[in-house]
PDB file of N, CA and C in Angstrom:
ATOM      1  N   UNK A   1       0.827  -1.191   0.000  1.00  0.00           N
ATOM      2  CA  UNK A   1       0.000   0.000   0.000  1.00  0.00           C
ATOM      3  C   UNK A   1       0.870   1.253   0.000  1.00  0.00           C
ATOM      4  N   UNK A   2       2.079   1.163   0.511  1.00  0.00           N
ATOM      5  CA  UNK A   2       2.961   2.325   0.555  1.00  0.00           C
ATOM      6  C   UNK A   2       3.460   2.699  -0.840  1.00  0.00           C
ATOM      7  N   UNK A   3       3.611   1.714  -1.718  1.00  0.00           N
ATOM      8  CA  UNK A   3       4.138   1.978  -3.051  1.00  0.00           C
ATOM      9  C   UNK A   3       3.261   2.938  -3.853  1.00  0.00           C
ATOM     10  N   UNK A   4       1.924   2.775  -3.907  1.00  0.00           N
ATOM     11  CA  UNK A   4       1.118   3.741  -4.668  1.00  0.00           C
ATOM     12  C   UNK A   4       1.237   5.160  -4.105  1.00  0.00           C
ATOM     13  N   UNK A   5       1.273   5.290  -2.776  1.00  0.00           N
ATOM     14  CA  UNK A   5       1.442   6.611  -2.177  1.00  0.00           C
ATOM     15  C   UNK A   5       2.808   7.198  -2.535  1.00  0.00           C
ATOM     16  N   UNK A   6       3.821   6.383  -2.486  1.00  0.00           N
ATOM     17  CA  UNK A   6       5.165   6.841  -2.817  1.00  0.00           C
ATOM     18  C   UNK A   6       5.234   7.270  -4.275  1.00  0.00           C
ATOM     19  N   UNK A   7       4.620   6.487  -5.163  1.00  0.00           N
ATOM     20  CA  UNK A   7       4.614   6.837  -6.581  1.00  0.00           C
ATOM     21  C   UNK A   7       3.896   8.159  -6.807  1.00  0.00           C
ATOM     22  N   UNK A   8       2.768   8.337  -6.164  1.00  0.00           N
ATOM     23  CA  UNK A   8       2.008   9.575  -6.302  1.00  0.00           C
ATOM     24  C   UNK A   8       2.791  10.759  -5.734  1.00  0.00           C
ATOM     25  N   UNK A   9       3.408  10.572  -4.589  1.00  0.00           N
ATOM     26  CA  UNK A   9       4.210  11.639  -3.981  1.00  0.00           C
ATOM     27  C   UNK A   9       5.396  12.013  -4.861  1.00  0.00           C
ATOM     28  N   UNK A  10       6.077  11.028  -5.404  1.00  0.00           N
ATOM     29  CA  UNK A  10       7.220  11.299  -6.286  1.00  0.00           C
ATOM     30  C   UNK A  10       6.768  12.027  -7.547  1.00  0.00           C
ATOM     31  N   UNK A  11       5.673  11.586  -8.132  1.00  0.00           N
ATOM     32  CA  UNK A  11       5.174  12.226  -9.343  1.00  0.00           C
ATOM     33  C   UNK A  11       4.777  13.675  -9.063  1.00  0.00           C
ATOM     34  N   UNK A  12       4.050  13.881  -7.985  1.00  0.00           N
ATOM     35  CA  UNK A  12       3.600  15.229  -7.635  1.00  0.00           C
ATOM     36  C   UNK A  12       4.797  16.139  -7.376  1.00  0.00           C
ATOM     37  N   UNK A  13       5.755  15.654  -6.615  1.00  0.00           N
ATOM     38  CA  UNK A  13       6.927  16.466  -6.305  1.00  0.00           C
ATOM     39  C   UNK A  13       7.711  16.783  -7.563  1.00  0.00           C
ATOM     40  N   UNK A  14       7.900  15.794  -8.412  1.00  0.00           N
ATOM     41  CA  UNK A  14       8.679  15.984  -9.633  1.00  0.00           C
ATOM     42  C   UNK A  14       8.038  16.993 -10.558  1.00  0.00           C
ATOM     43  N   UNK A  15       6.796  16.776 -10.872  1.00  0.00           N
ATOM     44  CA  UNK A  15       6.153  17.549 -11.918  1.00  0.00           C
ATOM     45  C   UNK A  15       5.722  18.931 -11.465  1.00  0.00           C
ATOM     46  N   UNK A  16       5.278  19.059 -10.252  1.00  0.00           N
ATOM     47  CA  UNK A  16       4.634  20.299  -9.861  1.00  0.00           C
ATOM     48  C   UNK A  16       5.414  21.148  -8.873  1.00  0.00           C
ATOM     49  N   UNK A  17       6.362  20.598  -8.225  1.00  0.00           N
ATOM     50  CA  UNK A  17       7.100  21.384  -7.244  1.00  0.00           C
ATOM     51  C   UNK A  17       8.524  21.654  -7.713  1.00  0.00           C
ATOM     52  N   UNK A  18       9.279  20.605  -7.922  1.00  0.00           N
ATOM     53  CA  UNK A  18      10.689  20.774  -8.249  1.00  0.00           C
ATOM     54  C   UNK A  18      10.879  21.485  -9.593  1.00  0.00           C
ATOM     55  N   UNK A  19      10.219  21.022 -10.634  1.00  0.00           N
ATOM     56  CA  UNK A  19      10.426  21.602 -11.959  1.00  0.00           C
ATOM     57  C   UNK A  19       9.891  23.031 -12.050  1.00  0.00           C
ATOM     58  N   UNK A  20       8.745  23.281 -11.446  1.00  0.00           N
ATOM     59  CA  UNK A  20       8.210  24.639 -11.449  1.00  0.00           C
ATOM     60  C   UNK A  20       9.119  25.586 -10.675  1.00  0.00           C
ATOM     61  N   UNK A  21       9.662  25.124  -9.582  1.00  0.00           N
ATOM     62  CA  UNK A  21      10.577  25.955  -8.790  1.00  0.00           C
ATOM     63  C   UNK A  21      11.832  26.277  -9.589  1.00  0.00           C
ATOM     64  N   UNK A  22      12.370  25.285 -10.284  1.00  0.00           N
ATOM     65  CA  UNK A  22      13.560  25.510 -11.096  1.00  0.00           C
ATOM     66  C   UNK A  22      13.275  26.528 -12.200  1.00  0.00           C
ATOM     67  N   UNK A  23      12.157  26.356 -12.887  1.00  0.00           N
ATOM     68  CA  UNK A  23      11.804  27.286 -13.966  1.00  0.00           C
ATOM     69  C   UNK A  23      11.586  28.696 -13.434  1.00  0.00           C
ATOM     70  N   UNK A  24      10.928  28.797 -12.314  1.00  0.00           N
ATOM     71  CA  UNK A  24      10.659  30.112 -11.724  1.00  0.00           C
ATOM     72  C   UNK A  24      11.957  30.832 -11.361  1.00  0.00           C
ATOM     73  N   UNK A  25      12.860  30.126 -10.710  1.00  0.00           N
ATOM     74  CA  UNK A  25      14.144  30.740 -10.332  1.00  0.00           C
ATOM     75  C   UNK A  25      14.942  31.138 -11.574  1.00  0.00           C
ATOM     76  N   UNK A  26      14.954  30.268 -12.575  1.00  0.00           N
ATOM     77  CA  UNK A  26      15.678  30.539 -13.811  1.00  0.00           C
ATOM     78  C   UNK A  26      15.132  31.800 -14.490  1.00  0.00           C
ATOM     79  N   UNK A  27      13.815  31.896 -14.587  1.00  0.00           N
ATOM     80  CA  UNK A  27      13.201  33.072 -15.214  1.00  0.00           C
ATOM     81  C   UNK A  27      13.477  34.332 -14.410  1.00  0.00           C
ATOM     82  N   UNK A  28      13.432  34.232 -13.100  1.00  0.00           N
ATOM     83  CA  UNK A  28      13.688  35.391 -12.251  1.00  0.00           C
ATOM     84  C   UNK A  28      15.117  35.886 -12.421  1.00  0.00           C
ATOM     85  N   UNK A  29      16.060  34.981 -12.434  1.00  0.00           N
ATOM     86  CA  UNK A  29      17.463  35.356 -12.607  1.00  0.00           C
ATOM     87  C   UNK A  29      17.663  35.999 -13.977  1.00  0.00           C
ATOM     88  N   UNK A  30      17.072  35.413 -15.014  1.00  0.00           N
ATOM     89  CA  UNK A  30      17.213  35.968 -16.362  1.00  0.00           C
ATOM     90  C   UNK A  30      16.567  37.348 -16.474  1.00  0.00           C
ATOM     91  N   UNK A  31      15.460  37.561 -15.779  1.00  0.00           N
ATOM     92  CA  UNK A  31      14.827  38.886 -15.764  1.00  0.00           C
ATOM     93  C   UNK A  31      15.753  39.903 -15.111  1.00  0.00           C
ATOM     94  N   UNK A  32      16.345  39.522 -14.000  1.00  0.00           N
ATOM     95  CA  UNK A  32      17.293  40.416 -13.309  1.00  0.00           C
ATOM     96  C   UNK A  32      18.496  40.725 -14.197  1.00  0.00           C
ATOM     97  N   UNK A  33      18.988  39.724 -14.900  1.00  0.00           N
ATOM     98  CA  UNK A  33      20.120  39.923 -15.808  1.00  0.00           C
ATOM     99  C   UNK A  33      19.740  40.903 -16.906  1.00  0.00           C
ATOM    100  N   UNK A  34      18.557  40.747 -17.471  1.00  0.00           N
ATOM    101  CA  UNK A  34      18.112  41.646 -18.546  1.00  0.00           C
ATOM    102  C   UNK A  34      17.994  43.082 -18.047  1.00  0.00           C
ATOM    103  N   UNK A  35      17.417  43.248 -16.874  1.00  0.00           N
ATOM    104  CA  UNK A  35      17.262  44.602 -16.316  1.00  0.00           C
ATOM    105  C   UNK A  35      18.610  45.229 -15.997  1.00  0.00           C
ATOM    106  N   UNK A  36      19.491  44.465 -15.410  1.00  0.00           N
ATOM    107  CA  UNK A  36      20.815  44.991 -15.061  1.00  0.00           C
ATOM    108  C   UNK A  36      21.619  45.275 -16.323  1.00  0.00           C
ATOM    109  N   UNK A  37      21.471  44.443 -17.346  1.00  0.00           N
ATOM    110  CA  UNK A  37      22.155  44.691 -18.621  1.00  0.00           C
ATOM    111  C   UNK A  37      21.697  46.012 -19.229  1.00  0.00           C
ATOM    112  N   UNK A  38      20.429  46.280 -19.108  1.00  0.00           N
ATOM    113  CA  UNK A  38      19.885  47.536 -19.622  1.00  0.00           C
ATOM    114  C   UNK A  38      20.482  48.726 -18.866  1.00  0.00           C
ATOM    115  N   UNK A  39      20.574  48.620 -17.552  1.00  0.00           N
ATOM    116  CA  UNK A  39      21.165  49.689 -16.740  1.00  0.00           C
ATOM    117  C   UNK A  39      22.628  49.880 -17.120  1.00  0.00           C
ATOM    118  N   UNK A  40      23.351  48.785 -17.301  1.00  0.00           N
ATOM    119  CA  UNK A  40      24.762  48.864 -17.696  1.00  0.00           C
ATOM    120  C   UNK A  40      24.880  49.566 -19.040  1.00  0.00           C
ATOM    121  N   UNK A  41      24.014  49.227 -19.971  1.00  0.00           N
ATOM    122  CA  UNK A  41      24.030  49.874 -21.282  1.00  0.00           C
ATOM    123  C   UNK A  41      23.792  51.372 -21.179  1.00  0.00           C
ATOM    124  N   UNK A  42      22.836  51.769 -20.359  1.00  0.00           N
ATOM    125  CA  UNK A  42      22.549  53.193 -20.166  1.00  0.00           C
ATOM    126  C   UNK A  42      23.735  53.908 -19.528  1.00  0.00           C
ATOM    127  N   UNK A  43      24.344  53.247 -18.549  1.00  0.00           N
ATOM    128  CA  UNK A  43      25.504  53.854 -17.890  1.00  0.00           C
ATOM    129  C   UNK A  43      26.693  53.969 -18.845  1.00  0.00           C
ATOM    130  N   UNK A  44      26.857  53.021 -19.734  1.00  0.00           N
ATOM    131  CA  UNK A  44      27.943  53.092 -20.722  1.00  0.00           C
ATOM    132  C   UNK A  44      27.717  54.262 -21.670  1.00  0.00           C
ATOM    133  N   UNK A  45      26.466  54.450 -22.074  1.00  0.00           N
ATOM    134  CA  UNK A  45      26.151  55.595 -22.938  1.00  0.00           C
ATOM    135  C   UNK A  45      26.446  56.905 -22.210  1.00  0.00           C
ATOM    136  N   UNK A  46      26.049  56.967 -20.951  1.00  0.00           N
ATOM    137  CA  UNK A  46      26.300  58.177 -20.163  1.00  0.00           C
ATOM    138  C   UNK A  46      27.800  58.400 -19.984  1.00  0.00           C
ATOM    139  N   UNK A  47      28.544  57.322 -19.798  1.00  0.00           N
ATOM    140  CA  UNK A  47      30.002  57.433 -19.641  1.00  0.00           C
ATOM    141  C   UNK A  47      30.647  57.946 -20.927  1.00  0.00           C
ATOM    142  N   UNK A  48      30.106  57.517 -22.082  1.00  0.00           N
ATOM    143  CA  UNK A  48      30.641  57.982 -23.366  1.00  0.00           C
ATOM    144  C   UNK A  48      30.485  59.496 -23.496  1.00  0.00           C
ATOM    145  N   UNK A  49      29.433  60.033 -22.923  1.00  0.00           N
ATOM    146  CA  UNK A  49      29.184  61.481 -22.986  1.00  0.00           C
ATOM    147  C   UNK A  49      29.983  62.237 -21.927  1.00  0.00           C
ATOM    148  N   UNK A  50      30.188  61.588 -20.781  1.00  0.00           N
ATOM    149  CA  UNK A  50      30.862  62.252 -19.662  1.00  0.00           C
ATOM    150  C   UNK A  50      31.826  61.273 -18.993  1.00  0.00           C
ATOM    151  N   UNK A  51      32.952  61.025 -19.639  1.00  0.00           N
ATOM    152  CA  UNK A  51      33.917  60.044 -19.168  1.00  0.00           C
ATOM    153  C   UNK A  51      34.662  60.430 -17.908  1.00  0.00           C
ATOM    154  N   UNK A  52      34.579  61.699 -17.511  1.00  0.00           N
ATOM    155  CA  UNK A  52      35.304  62.167 -16.327  1.00  0.00           C
ATOM    156  C   UNK A  52      34.479  62.103 -15.050  1.00  0.00           C
ATOM    157  N   UNK A  53      33.230  61.746 -15.146  1.00  0.00           N
ATOM    158  CA  UNK A  53      32.330  61.702 -13.988  1.00  0.00           C
ATOM    159  C   UNK A  53      32.656  60.452 -13.156  1.00  0.00           C
ATOM    160  N   UNK A  54      33.331  60.658 -12.032  1.00  0.00           N
ATOM    161  CA  UNK A  54      33.762  59.524 -11.206  1.00  0.00           C
ATOM    162  C   UNK A  54      32.591  58.779 -10.565  1.00  0.00           C
ATOM    163  N   UNK A  55      31.549  59.499 -10.182  1.00  0.00           N
ATOM    164  CA  UNK A  55      30.373  58.845  -9.589  1.00  0.00           C
ATOM    165  C   UNK A  55      29.719  57.916 -10.616  1.00  0.00           C
ATOM    166  N   UNK A  56      29.690  58.360 -11.855  1.00  0.00           N
ATOM    167  CA  UNK A  56      29.126  57.555 -12.944  1.00  0.00           C
ATOM    168  C   UNK A  56      29.966  56.302 -13.192  1.00  0.00           C
ATOM    169  N   UNK A  57      31.280  56.474 -13.185  1.00  0.00           N
ATOM    170  CA  UNK A  57      32.177  55.323 -13.372  1.00  0.00           C
ATOM    171  C   UNK A  57      32.031  54.315 -12.236  1.00  0.00           C
ATOM    172  N   UNK A  58      31.900  54.834 -11.026  1.00  0.00           N
ATOM    173  CA  UNK A  58      31.729  53.959  -9.860  1.00  0.00           C
ATOM    174  C   UNK A  58      30.413  53.177  -9.968  1.00  0.00           C
ATOM    175  N   UNK A  59      29.356  53.854 -10.356  1.00  0.00           N
ATOM    176  CA  UNK A  59      28.053  53.198 -10.520  1.00  0.00           C
ATOM    177  C   UNK A  59      28.109  52.149 -11.632  1.00  0.00           C
ATOM    178  N   UNK A  60      28.796  52.465 -12.722  1.00  0.00           N
ATOM    179  CA  UNK A  60      28.938  51.507 -13.825  1.00  0.00           C
ATOM    180  C   UNK A  60      29.664  50.247 -13.356  1.00  0.00           C
ATOM    181  N   UNK A  61      30.753  50.423 -12.633  1.00  0.00           N
ATOM    182  CA  UNK A  61      31.493  49.252 -12.119  1.00  0.00           C
ATOM    183  C   UNK A  61      30.631  48.415 -11.181  1.00  0.00           C
ATOM    184  N   UNK A  62      29.868  49.105 -10.344  1.00  0.00           N
ATOM    185  CA  UNK A  62      28.987  48.408  -9.399  1.00  0.00           C
ATOM    186  C   UNK A  62      27.944  47.576 -10.153  1.00  0.00           C
ATOM    187  N   UNK A  63      27.344  48.157 -11.176  1.00  0.00           N
ATOM    188  CA  UNK A  63      26.327  47.438 -11.957  1.00  0.00           C
ATOM    189  C   UNK A  63      26.952  46.291 -12.756  1.00  0.00           C
ATOM    190  N   UNK A  64      28.153  46.494 -13.270  1.00  0.00           N
ATOM    191  CA  UNK A  64      28.837  45.424 -14.007  1.00  0.00           C
ATOM    192  C   UNK A  64      29.156  44.250 -13.083  1.00  0.00           C
ATOM    193  N   UNK A  65      29.563  44.558 -11.871  1.00  0.00           N
ATOM    194  CA  UNK A  65      29.836  43.504 -10.889  1.00  0.00           C
ATOM    195  C   UNK A  65      28.552  42.744 -10.559  1.00  0.00           C
ATOM    196  N   UNK A  66      27.470  43.484 -10.380  1.00  0.00           N
ATOM    197  CA  UNK A  66      26.178  42.849 -10.095  1.00  0.00           C
ATOM    198  C   UNK A  66      25.771  41.940 -11.253  1.00  0.00           C
ATOM    199  N   UNK A  67      25.981  42.407 -12.484  1.00  0.00           N
ATOM    200  CA  UNK A  67      25.639  41.612 -13.666  1.00  0.00           C
ATOM    201  C   UNK A  67      26.455  40.317 -13.709  1.00  0.00           C
ATOM    202  N   UNK A  68      27.737  40.399 -13.423  1.00  0.00           N
ATOM    203  CA  UNK A  68      28.580  39.193 -13.415  1.00  0.00           C
ATOM    204  C   UNK A  68      28.124  38.209 -12.347  1.00  0.00           C
ATOM    205  N   UNK A  69      27.750  38.724 -11.183  1.00  0.00           N
ATOM    206  CA  UNK A  69      27.269  37.848 -10.113  1.00  0.00           C
ATOM    207  C   UNK A  69      25.975  37.143 -10.513  1.00  0.00           C
ATOM    208  N   UNK A  70      25.093  37.871 -11.157  1.00  0.00           N
ATOM    209  CA  UNK A  70      23.830  37.267 -11.600  1.00  0.00           C
ATOM    210  C   UNK A  70      24.071  36.208 -12.673  1.00  0.00           C
ATOM    211  N   UNK A  71      25.018  36.482 -13.574  1.00  0.00           N
ATOM    212  CA  UNK A  71      25.330  35.499 -14.608  1.00  0.00           C
ATOM    213  C   UNK A  71      25.950  34.243 -13.997  1.00  0.00           C
ATOM    214  N   UNK A  72      26.773  34.423 -12.979  1.00  0.00           N
ATOM    215  CA  UNK A  72      27.344  33.244 -12.318  1.00  0.00           C
ATOM    216  C   UNK A  72      26.261  32.496 -11.541  1.00  0.00           C
ATOM    217  N   UNK A  73      25.243  33.220 -11.091  1.00  0.00           N
ATOM    218  CA  UNK A  73      24.128  32.578 -10.390  1.00  0.00           C
ATOM    219  C   UNK A  73      23.385  31.603 -11.319  1.00  0.00           C
ATOM    220  N   UNK A  74      23.337  31.908 -12.605  1.00  0.00           N
ATOM    221  CA  UNK A  74      22.739  30.970 -13.567  1.00  0.00           C
ATOM    222  C   UNK A  74      23.516  29.652 -13.576  1.00  0.00           C
ATOM    223  N   UNK A  75      24.836  29.732 -13.490  1.00  0.00           N
ATOM    224  CA  UNK A  75      25.656  28.517 -13.441  1.00  0.00           C
ATOM    225  C   UNK A  75      25.388  27.738 -12.164  1.00  0.00           C
ATOM    226  N   UNK A  76      25.265  28.463 -11.053  1.00  0.00           N
ATOM    227  CA  UNK A  76      24.952  27.813  -9.777  1.00  0.00           C
ATOM    228  C   UNK A  76      23.601  27.127  -9.866  1.00  0.00           C
ATOM    229  N   UNK A  77      22.641  27.806 -10.461  1.00  0.00           N
ATOM    230  CA  UNK A  77      21.295  27.242 -10.605  1.00  0.00           C
ATOM    231  C   UNK A  77      21.318  25.962 -11.440  1.00  0.00           C
ATOM    232  N   UNK A  78      22.151  25.925 -12.457  1.00  0.00           N
ATOM    233  CA  UNK A  78      22.272  24.725 -13.288  1.00  0.00           C
ATOM    234  C   UNK A  78      22.809  23.552 -12.458  1.00  0.00           C
ATOM    235  N   UNK A  79      23.798  23.816 -11.612  1.00  0.00           N
ATOM    236  CA  UNK A  79      24.353  22.775 -10.743  1.00  0.00           C
ATOM    237  C   UNK A  79      23.278  22.292  -9.770  1.00  0.00           C
ATOM    238  N   UNK A  80      22.534  23.231  -9.190  1.00  0.00           N
ATOM    239  CA  UNK A  80      21.457  22.859  -8.264  1.00  0.00           C
ATOM    240  C   UNK A  80      20.423  21.993  -8.969  1.00  0.00           C
ATOM    241  N   UNK A  81      20.047  22.379 -10.180  1.00  0.00           N
ATOM    242  CA  UNK A  81      19.067  21.599 -10.943  1.00  0.00           C
ATOM    243  C   UNK A  81      19.571  20.181 -11.198  1.00  0.00           C
ATOM    244  N   UNK A  82      20.826  20.078 -11.610  1.00  0.00           N
ATOM    245  CA  UNK A  82      21.398  18.752 -11.895  1.00  0.00           C
ATOM    246  C   UNK A  82      21.436  17.884 -10.639  1.00  0.00           C
ATOM    247  N   UNK A  83      21.865  18.457  -9.541  1.00  0.00           N
ATOM    248  CA  UNK A  83      21.955  17.690  -8.287  1.00  0.00           C
ATOM    249  C   UNK A  83      20.563  17.311  -7.772  1.00  0.00           C
ATOM    250  N   UNK A  84      19.619  18.229  -7.884  1.00  0.00           N
ATOM    251  CA  UNK A  84      18.249  17.936  -7.446  1.00  0.00           C
ATOM    252  C   UNK A  84      17.665  16.784  -8.244  1.00  0.00           C
ATOM    253  N   UNK A  85      17.872  16.824  -9.557  1.00  0.00           N
ATOM    254  CA  UNK A  85      17.359  15.750 -10.403  1.00  0.00           C
ATOM    255  C   UNK A  85      18.017  14.421 -10.063  1.00  0.00           C
ATOM    256  N   UNK A  86      19.315  14.461  -9.796  1.00  0.00           N
ATOM    257  CA  UNK A  86      20.035  13.234  -9.427  1.00  0.00           C
ATOM    258  C   UNK A  86      19.477  12.652  -8.130  1.00  0.00           C
ATOM    259  N   UNK A  87      19.281  13.499  -7.130  1.00  0.00           N
ATOM    260  CA  UNK A  87      18.751  13.029  -5.848  1.00  0.00           C
ATOM    261  C   UNK A  87      17.325  12.522  -6.012  1.00  0.00           C
ATOM    262  N   UNK A  88      16.516  13.251  -6.788  1.00  0.00           N
ATOM    263  CA  UNK A  88      15.153  12.815  -7.043  1.00  0.00           C
ATOM    264  C   UNK A  88      15.150  11.430  -7.689  1.00  0.00           C
ATOM    265  N   UNK A  89      16.009  11.254  -8.680  1.00  0.00           N
ATOM    266  CA  UNK A  89      16.085   9.971  -9.379  1.00  0.00           C
ATOM    267  C   UNK A  89      16.493   8.856  -8.425  1.00  0.00           C
ATOM    268  N   UNK A  90      17.459   9.130  -7.555  1.00  0.00           N
ATOM    269  CA  UNK A  90      17.897   8.121  -6.598  1.00  0.00           C
ATOM    270  C   UNK A  90      16.786   7.736  -5.629  1.00  0.00           C
ATOM    271  N   UNK A  91      16.021   8.734  -5.170  1.00  0.00           N
ATOM    272  CA  UNK A  91      14.980   8.477  -4.163  1.00  0.00           C
ATOM    273  C   UNK A  91      13.705   7.886  -4.752  1.00  0.00           C
ATOM    274  N   UNK A  92      13.387   8.284  -5.970  1.00  0.00           N
ATOM    275  CA  UNK A  92      12.076   7.918  -6.527  1.00  0.00           C
ATOM    276  C   UNK A  92      12.140   6.930  -7.693  1.00  0.00           C
ATOM    277  N   UNK A  93      13.305   6.487  -8.071  1.00  0.00           N
ATOM    278  CA  UNK A  93      13.408   5.646  -9.266  1.00  0.00           C
ATOM    279  C   UNK A  93      12.589   4.359  -9.171  1.00  0.00           C
ATOM    280  N   UNK A  94      12.414   3.865  -7.976  1.00  0.00           N
ATOM    281  CA  UNK A  94      11.643   2.632  -7.785  1.00  0.00           C
ATOM    282  C   UNK A  94      10.149   2.906  -7.996  1.00  0.00           C
ATOM    283  N   UNK A  95       9.707   4.105  -7.620  1.00  0.00           N
ATOM    284  CA  UNK A  95       8.277   4.428  -7.594  1.00  0.00           C
ATOM    285  C   UNK A  95       7.784   5.199  -8.805  1.00  0.00           C
ATOM    286  N   UNK A  96       8.691   5.972  -9.448  1.00  0.00           N
ATOM    287  CA  UNK A  96       8.219   6.876 -10.499  1.00  0.00           C
ATOM    288  C   UNK A  96       9.378   7.224 -11.424  1.00  0.00           C
ATOM    289  N   UNK A  97       9.115   7.253 -12.721  1.00  0.00           N
ATOM    290  CA  UNK A  97      10.088   7.686 -13.716  1.00  0.00           C
ATOM    291  C   UNK A  97       9.533   8.927 -14.396  1.00  0.00           C
ATOM    292  N   UNK A  98      10.206  10.077 -14.250  1.00  0.00           N
ATOM    293  CA  UNK A  98       9.687  11.288 -14.888  1.00  0.00           C
ATOM    294  C   UNK A  98       9.789  11.188 -16.406  1.00  0.00           C
ATOM    295  N   UNK A  99       8.916  11.874 -17.121  1.00  0.00           N
ATOM    296  CA  UNK A  99       8.976  11.839 -18.589  1.00  0.00           C
ATOM    297  C   UNK A  99      10.261  12.493 -19.077  1.00  0.00           C
ATOM    298  N   UNK A 100      10.764  12.027 -20.203  1.00  0.00           N
ATOM    299  CA  UNK A 100      11.979  12.592 -20.788  1.00  0.00           C
ATOM    300  C   UNK A 100      11.656  13.950 -21.386  1.00  0.00           C
ATOM    301  N   UNK A 101      12.531  14.939 -21.126  1.00  0.00           N
ATOM    302  CA  UNK A 101      12.355  16.273 -21.671  1.00  0.00           C
ATOM    303  C   UNK A 101      13.281  16.393 -22.881  1.00  0.00           C
ATOM    304  N   UNK A 102      12.735  16.837 -23.995  1.00  0.00           N
ATOM    305  CA  UNK A 102      13.523  16.967 -25.215  1.00  0.00           C
ATOM    306  C   UNK A 102      13.917  18.377 -25.481  1.00  0.00           C
TER     307      UNK A 102
END
């Protein structure tokens, strides 16, 4: 009787919790990257007009650093996704096999 419950729990967790969470985080990070890239672009244009403005240069460096951190966060997210899937497969392989994603 435990096997049907385990299969249902694994399926529910796989399809509706883990994958949706991964997609949500991925989209959020990409949105932040797009917004920060836009700010960096605007600051670069402003720097081209006023290259001597130290406050502007400082802000540009700060935004560029933030952009690099967000881009590295995408790599971290990929590692988390891979490890989560591996653990899920190890725990639920007896009860449930997720559909192959192409």
